[in-house]
Amino acid sequence: MKHPVDAHVGKRIRHRRWMIGMTQQQLADKVGIKFQQIQKYETGMNRVSASRLWDVADTLGVPISFFFEGIDAARDSQPRVEGDILADKEALELVRSYYAIPEHQRRRLFDLARVLSEAA
């Protein structure tokens, strides 16, 4: 049975990998494991060891704390994900496309989105 924390960490690995446009094979090659192991991590079927998580974080360019963001363990013994927008594939695609836009245009697009959301 999957532990909720393992599933959350795996989901955060998958989302970060996807956001930077890296395949499971590329991540596996850089970390020194088989891509099937990455699949198991991302689904939460296998727990990621501390040293492996360190390597994954380094490869994906994030601090280790990134993988635990969104977990609220203070309320009960079963950690939950609070407002996980990263679970929405459309939102991920939007964010990825947004960061592909040059910075000065991105700022103007951000301002437009803010105005539109306030008018809604």
Protein backbone atom coordinates (compact mmCIF):
# COMPACT_ATOMS: atom_id res chain seq x y z
CA MET A 1 0.00 0.00 0.00
CA LYS A 2 1.29 3.46 -0.93
CA HIS A 3 2.09 5.87 1.84
CA PRO A 4 0.60 9.32 1.12
CA VAL A 5 3.98 11.01 1.56
CA ASP A 6 5.63 8.68 -0.97
CA ALA A 7 2.82 9.40 -3.44
CA HIS A 8 3.18 13.15 -2.89
CA VAL A 9 6.97 13.11 -3.32
CA GLY A 10 6.59 11.03 -6.47
CA LYS A 11 4.02 13.43 -7.86
CA ARG A 12 6.32 16.38 -7.17
CA ILE A 13 9.19 14.56 -8.96
CA ARG A 14 6.97 13.95 -11.98
CA HIS A 15 5.69 17.52 -12.11
CA ARG A 16 9.14 19.10 -11.81
CA ARG A 17 10.58 16.72 -14.42
CA TRP A 18 7.72 17.55 -16.76
CA MET A 19 8.04 21.31 -16.14
CA ILE A 20 11.65 21.35 -17.25
CA GLY A 21 10.95 19.06 -20.21
CA MET A 22 12.96 16.08 -19.03
CA THR A 23 11.98 12.50 -19.81
CA GLN A 24 12.01 9.67 -17.29
CA GLN A 25 14.91 8.15 -19.22
CA GLN A 26 16.94 11.37 -19.05
CA LEU A 27 16.36 11.70 -15.31
CA ALA A 28 17.22 8.05 -14.75
CA ASP A 29 20.44 8.37 -16.77
CA LYS A 30 21.55 11.44 -14.79
CA VAL A 31 20.75 9.81 -11.45
CA GLY A 32 22.28 6.47 -12.48
CA ILE A 33 19.24 4.17 -12.32
CA LYS A 34 16.77 2.54 -14.73
CA PHE A 35 13.79 4.56 -15.97
CA GLN A 36 11.45 1.93 -14.51
CA GLN A 37 12.64 2.99 -11.07
CA ILE A 38 11.71 6.59 -11.86
CA GLN A 39 8.25 5.34 -12.85
CA LYS A 40 7.91 3.57 -9.51
CA TYR A 41 9.02 6.69 -7.62
CA GLU A 42 6.59 8.89 -9.53
CA THR A 43 3.63 6.65 -8.80
CA GLY A 44 4.60 6.28 -5.15
CA MET A 45 4.98 2.53 -5.49
CA ASN A 46 8.60 2.74 -4.35
CA ARG A 47 9.90 5.00 -1.61
CA VAL A 48 12.77 7.32 -2.58
CA SER A 49 15.77 7.01 -0.27
CA ALA A 50 17.32 10.16 1.16
CA SER A 51 20.47 9.89 -0.95
CA ARG A 52 18.47 9.24 -4.11
CA LEU A 53 16.16 12.16 -3.36
CA TRP A 54 19.28 14.32 -2.96
CA ASP A 55 20.46 13.24 -6.44
CA VAL A 56 17.01 13.80 -7.97
CA ALA A 57 16.73 17.26 -6.40
CA ASP A 58 20.18 18.20 -7.68
CA THR A 59 19.37 16.94 -11.18
CA LEU A 60 16.00 18.73 -11.27
CA GLY A 61 17.49 21.93 -9.84
CA VAL A 62 15.33 22.22 -6.73
CA PRO A 63 15.95 22.03 -2.98
CA ILE A 64 14.86 18.81 -1.27
CA SER A 65 12.14 20.75 0.52
CA PHE A 66 10.43 21.22 -2.87
CA PHE A 67 9.24 17.61 -2.76
CA PHE A 68 7.45 18.14 0.55
CA GLU A 69 5.74 21.43 -0.25
CA GLY A 70 1.98 21.18 0.07
CA ILE A 71 1.90 18.51 2.74
CA ASP A 72 0.06 19.45 5.89
CA ALA A 73 0.99 16.84 8.48
CA ALA A 74 0.01 18.98 11.46
CA ARG A 75 -3.72 18.21 11.33
CA ASP A 76 -3.66 14.43 11.52
CA SER A 77 -1.45 11.40 11.05
CA GLN A 78 -2.33 11.09 7.34
CA PRO A 79 -0.63 13.95 5.47
CA ARG A 80 -2.77 15.66 2.86
CA VAL A 81 -2.02 17.79 -0.14
CA GLU A 82 -3.40 21.30 0.23
CA GLY A 83 -4.74 22.84 -3.00
CA ASP A 84 -2.57 20.83 -5.39
CA ILE A 85 -2.80 22.84 -8.60
CA LEU A 86 0.03 20.71 -9.96
CA ALA A 87 -2.43 17.84 -10.26
CA ASP A 88 -4.10 19.69 -13.15
CA LYS A 89 -2.32 18.90 -16.42
CA GLU A 90 -3.78 21.99 -18.10
CA ALA A 91 -2.36 24.21 -15.35
CA LEU A 92 1.05 22.59 -15.73
CA GLU A 93 0.99 23.10 -19.47
CA LEU A 94 -0.01 26.74 -18.98
CA VAL A 95 2.86 27.35 -16.54
CA ARG A 96 5.35 25.63 -18.82
CA SER A 97 4.20 27.72 -21.80
CA TYR A 98 4.27 30.87 -19.68
CA TYR A 99 7.93 30.39 -18.78
CA ALA A 100 8.80 29.80 -22.43
CA ILE A 101 7.78 33.43 -23.19
CA PRO A 102 10.52 36.11 -23.02
CA GLU A 103 10.54 37.86 -19.64
CA HIS A 104 9.34 41.31 -20.74
CA GLN A 105 6.38 39.79 -22.63
CA ARG A 106 5.70 37.44 -19.73
CA ARG A 107 5.35 40.40 -17.36
CA ARG A 108 2.79 42.04 -19.65
CA LEU A 109 0.86 38.78 -19.93
CA PHE A 110 0.89 38.45 -16.14
CA ASP A 111 -0.51 41.96 -15.75
CA LEU A 112 -3.25 41.19 -18.29
CA ALA A 113 -4.18 37.96 -16.47
CA ARG A 114 -4.39 39.82 -13.17
CA VAL A 115 -6.72 42.46 -14.64
CA LEU A 116 -8.91 39.81 -16.24
CA SER A 117 -9.16 37.80 -13.01
CA GLU A 118 -10.14 40.89 -11.05
CA ALA A 119 -12.86 41.68 -13.59
CA ALA A 120 -14.29 38.14 -13.46
